Amino acid sequence: MERFWPLGYRCITAGVLVPNMSSPNTHSLRIVVQHVRSHRQSVYRLVAYGGEGGGYTSGSAEFESLDHLLTAFRSAIPAFDAGSLSVGRDTPETYIAFAGEMELIDAQLSLLGLKDGTRP
């Protein structure tokens, strides 16, 4: 379900507000966050794929903690709702913490470590 908000923002069902843009460097992407657990480490893997309206096909970035992931999301998408992430602290295996569709520009992809740059 999708609702339109004033000032050109779209509300995606995952609870994320992203600008409704139509420029050539805007990418309509499926975003998935996996919490990957092993015996020695736990990381959050951010995966983006799609690319309607642009040339982006897929990319991924890993974050060593939930705080690092949220910092990247908030730098790229200030209105990102951290509550939309499912956090299973007692789950011993890998799981999907978030899945949703977003329209992101190249600069936002870079801030997330997904294109032409590195995470802050």
C-alpha atoms as a PDB file:
ATOM      1  CA  MET A   1       0.000   0.000   0.000  1.00  0.00           C
ATOM      2  CA  GLU A   2       1.257   3.435  -0.867  1.00  0.00           C
ATOM      3  CA  ARG A   3       0.001   6.847   0.216  1.00  0.00           C
ATOM      4  CA  PHE A   4       1.056  10.247  -1.009  1.00  0.00           C
ATOM      5  CA  TRP A   5       1.987  12.963   1.438  1.00  0.00           C
ATOM      6  CA  PRO A   6       2.434  16.724   0.949  1.00  0.00           C
ATOM      7  CA  LEU A   7       5.740  18.082  -0.343  1.00  0.00           C
ATOM      8  CA  GLY A   8       6.318  15.212  -2.751  1.00  0.00           C
ATOM      9  CA  TYR A   9       6.970  12.446  -0.220  1.00  0.00           C
ATOM     10  CA  ARG A  10       5.627   8.924  -0.572  1.00  0.00           C
ATOM     11  CA  CYS A  11       4.866   6.659   2.339  1.00  0.00           C
ATOM     12  CA  ILE A  12       5.969   3.098   1.637  1.00  0.00           C
ATOM     13  CA  THR A  13       4.290   0.385   3.718  1.00  0.00           C
ATOM     14  CA  ALA A  14       7.518  -0.406   5.549  1.00  0.00           C
ATOM     15  CA  GLY A  15       7.150   2.941   7.330  1.00  0.00           C
ATOM     16  CA  VAL A  16       9.856   4.780   5.422  1.00  0.00           C
ATOM     17  CA  LEU A  17       9.319   8.240   4.001  1.00  0.00           C
ATOM     18  CA  VAL A  18      11.355   8.839   0.881  1.00  0.00           C
ATOM     19  CA  PRO A  19      11.193  11.688  -1.626  1.00  0.00           C
ATOM     20  CA  ASN A  20       8.991  11.051  -4.651  1.00  0.00           C
ATOM     21  CA  MET A  21      11.515  11.857  -7.368  1.00  0.00           C
ATOM     22  CA  SER A  22      11.543  11.407 -11.099  1.00  0.00           C
ATOM     23  CA  SER A  23      15.075  12.450 -12.022  1.00  0.00           C
ATOM     24  CA  PRO A  24      17.269  10.148 -14.124  1.00  0.00           C
ATOM     25  CA  ASN A  25      19.462   9.247 -11.131  1.00  0.00           C
ATOM     26  CA  THR A  26      16.482   7.990  -9.096  1.00  0.00           C
ATOM     27  CA  HIS A  27      16.321   4.234  -8.615  1.00  0.00           C
ATOM     28  CA  SER A  28      13.218   2.277  -7.571  1.00  0.00           C
ATOM     29  CA  LEU A  29      14.763  -0.468  -5.477  1.00  0.00           C
ATOM     30  CA  ARG A  30      13.821  -3.403  -3.310  1.00  0.00           C
ATOM     31  CA  ILE A  31      15.762  -3.044  -0.044  1.00  0.00           C
ATOM     32  CA  VAL A  32      16.398  -6.041   2.215  1.00  0.00           C
ATOM     33  CA  VAL A  33      18.272  -6.097   5.529  1.00  0.00           C
ATOM     34  CA  GLN A  34      19.469  -9.494   6.723  1.00  0.00           C
ATOM     35  CA  HIS A  35      20.794 -10.106  10.200  1.00  0.00           C
ATOM     36  CA  VAL A  36      23.477 -12.714   9.537  1.00  0.00           C
ATOM     37  CA  ARG A  37      24.653 -14.680  12.552  1.00  0.00           C
ATOM     38  CA  SER A  38      27.467 -17.175  12.785  1.00  0.00           C
ATOM     39  CA  HIS A  39      29.397 -18.626  15.707  1.00  0.00           C
ATOM     40  CA  ARG A  40      31.966 -15.838  15.624  1.00  0.00           C
ATOM     41  CA  GLN A  41      30.180 -12.784  14.337  1.00  0.00           C
ATOM     42  CA  SER A  42      26.895 -11.052  13.725  1.00  0.00           C
ATOM     43  CA  VAL A  43      26.483  -8.543  10.879  1.00  0.00           C
ATOM     44  CA  TYR A  44      23.670  -6.685   9.192  1.00  0.00           C
ATOM     45  CA  ARG A  45      23.742  -7.053   5.413  1.00  0.00           C
ATOM     46  CA  LEU A  46      21.946  -4.401   3.381  1.00  0.00           C
ATOM     47  CA  VAL A  47      21.001  -5.579  -0.113  1.00  0.00           C
ATOM     48  CA  ALA A  48      19.408  -3.445  -2.822  1.00  0.00           C
ATOM     49  CA  TYR A  49      18.191  -4.693  -6.163  1.00  0.00           C
ATOM     50  CA  GLY A  50      16.014  -3.458  -8.970  1.00  0.00           C
ATOM     51  CA  GLY A  51      16.528  -0.325 -10.927  1.00  0.00           C
ATOM     52  CA  GLU A  52      13.406   0.838 -12.717  1.00  0.00           C
ATOM     53  CA  GLY A  53      14.069   4.312 -14.014  1.00  0.00           C
ATOM     54  CA  GLY A  54      17.836   3.985 -13.722  1.00  0.00           C
ATOM     55  CA  GLY A  55      20.797   1.762 -14.346  1.00  0.00           C
ATOM     56  CA  TYR A  56      21.142   0.299 -10.854  1.00  0.00           C
ATOM     57  CA  THR A  57      20.860  -3.497 -10.707  1.00  0.00           C
ATOM     58  CA  SER A  58      22.105  -4.735  -7.323  1.00  0.00           C
ATOM     59  CA  GLY A  59      24.502  -4.022  -4.494  1.00  0.00           C
ATOM     60  CA  SER A  60      25.191  -4.896  -0.891  1.00  0.00           C
ATOM     61  CA  ALA A  61      26.948  -3.526   2.158  1.00  0.00           C
ATOM     62  CA  GLU A  62      27.651  -5.005   5.584  1.00  0.00           C
ATOM     63  CA  PHE A  63      27.432  -3.288   8.952  1.00  0.00           C
ATOM     64  CA  GLU A  64      29.008  -4.690  12.097  1.00  0.00           C
ATOM     65  CA  SER A  65      26.193  -3.535  14.365  1.00  0.00           C
ATOM     66  CA  LEU A  66      22.605  -2.346  14.338  1.00  0.00           C
ATOM     67  CA  ASP A  67      23.811   1.103  15.434  1.00  0.00           C
ATOM     68  CA  HIS A  68      26.111   1.377  12.390  1.00  0.00           C
ATOM     69  CA  LEU A  69      23.272   0.315  10.091  1.00  0.00           C
ATOM     70  CA  LEU A  70      20.861   2.846  11.624  1.00  0.00           C
ATOM     71  CA  THR A  71      23.463   5.618  11.398  1.00  0.00           C
ATOM     72  CA  ALA A  72      23.846   4.933   7.670  1.00  0.00           C
ATOM     73  CA  PHE A  73      20.072   4.825   7.125  1.00  0.00           C
ATOM     74  CA  ARG A  74      19.559   8.084   9.020  1.00  0.00           C
ATOM     75  CA  SER A  75      22.319   9.839   7.066  1.00  0.00           C
ATOM     76  CA  ALA A  76      20.812   8.747   3.739  1.00  0.00           C
ATOM     77  CA  ILE A  77      17.124   8.877   4.695  1.00  0.00           C
ATOM     78  CA  PRO A  78      16.591  11.161   7.707  1.00  0.00           C
ATOM     79  CA  ALA A  79      12.930  10.106   8.077  1.00  0.00           C
ATOM     80  CA  PHE A  80      13.797   6.386   8.249  1.00  0.00           C
ATOM     81  CA  ASP A  81      11.718   4.701  10.964  1.00  0.00           C
ATOM     82  CA  ALA A  82      14.003   2.435  13.024  1.00  0.00           C
ATOM     83  CA  GLY A  83      10.871   0.714  14.304  1.00  0.00           C
ATOM     84  CA  SER A  84      10.362  -0.812  10.862  1.00  0.00           C
ATOM     85  CA  LEU A  85      13.356  -3.105  11.505  1.00  0.00           C
ATOM     86  CA  SER A  86      12.574  -6.447  13.089  1.00  0.00           C
ATOM     87  CA  VAL A  87      15.216  -7.125  15.716  1.00  0.00           C
ATOM     88  CA  GLY A  88      15.324 -10.673  17.101  1.00  0.00           C
ATOM     89  CA  ARG A  89      18.043 -10.557  19.707  1.00  0.00           C
ATOM     90  CA  ASP A  90      17.505 -14.144  20.847  1.00  0.00           C
ATOM     91  CA  THR A  91      17.348 -15.637  17.368  1.00  0.00           C
ATOM     92  CA  PRO A  92      20.416 -17.819  16.739  1.00  0.00           C
ATOM     93  CA  GLU A  93      20.086 -17.953  12.961  1.00  0.00           C
ATOM     94  CA  THR A  94      20.033 -15.534  10.053  1.00  0.00           C
ATOM     95  CA  TYR A  95      16.754 -13.695   9.442  1.00  0.00           C
ATOM     96  CA  ILE A  96      15.258 -10.866   7.388  1.00  0.00           C
ATOM     97  CA  ALA A  97      15.063  -7.726   9.527  1.00  0.00           C
ATOM     98  CA  PHE A  98      13.540  -5.464   6.871  1.00  0.00           C
ATOM     99  CA  ALA A  99      12.177  -5.653   3.339  1.00  0.00           C
ATOM    100  CA  GLY A 100      10.633  -2.787   1.427  1.00  0.00           C
ATOM    101  CA  GLU A 101      10.686  -0.693  -1.705  1.00  0.00           C
ATOM    102  CA  MET A 102      12.350   2.702  -1.853  1.00  0.00           C
ATOM    103  CA  GLU A 103      13.212   5.325  -4.415  1.00  0.00           C
ATOM    104  CA  LEU A 104      16.797   6.416  -3.805  1.00  0.00           C
ATOM    105  CA  ILE A 105      19.121   8.752  -5.633  1.00  0.00           C
ATOM    106  CA  ASP A 106      22.809   8.070  -6.245  1.00  0.00           C
ATOM    107  CA  ALA A 107      23.892  10.191  -3.261  1.00  0.00           C
ATOM    108  CA  GLN A 108      21.691   8.151  -0.915  1.00  0.00           C
ATOM    109  CA  LEU A 109      23.064   4.890  -2.339  1.00  0.00           C
ATOM    110  CA  SER A 110      26.585   6.164  -1.674  1.00  0.00           C
ATOM    111  CA  LEU A 111      25.745   7.040   1.939  1.00  0.00           C
ATOM    112  CA  LEU A 112      24.455   3.490   2.385  1.00  0.00           C
ATOM    113  CA  GLY A 113      27.650   2.029   0.905  1.00  0.00           C
ATOM    114  CA  LEU A 114      25.811   0.742  -2.146  1.00  0.00           C
ATOM    115  CA  LYS A 115      27.249   2.872  -4.963  1.00  0.00           C
ATOM    116  CA  ASP A 116      30.362   4.829  -5.872  1.00  0.00           C
ATOM    117  CA  GLY A 117      31.508   5.439  -2.344  1.00  0.00           C
ATOM    118  CA  THR A 118      31.818   4.104   1.141  1.00  0.00           C
ATOM    119  CA  ARG A 119      29.758   4.426   4.257  1.00  0.00           C
ATOM    120  CA  PRO A 120      30.671   7.204   6.682  1.00  0.00           C
END
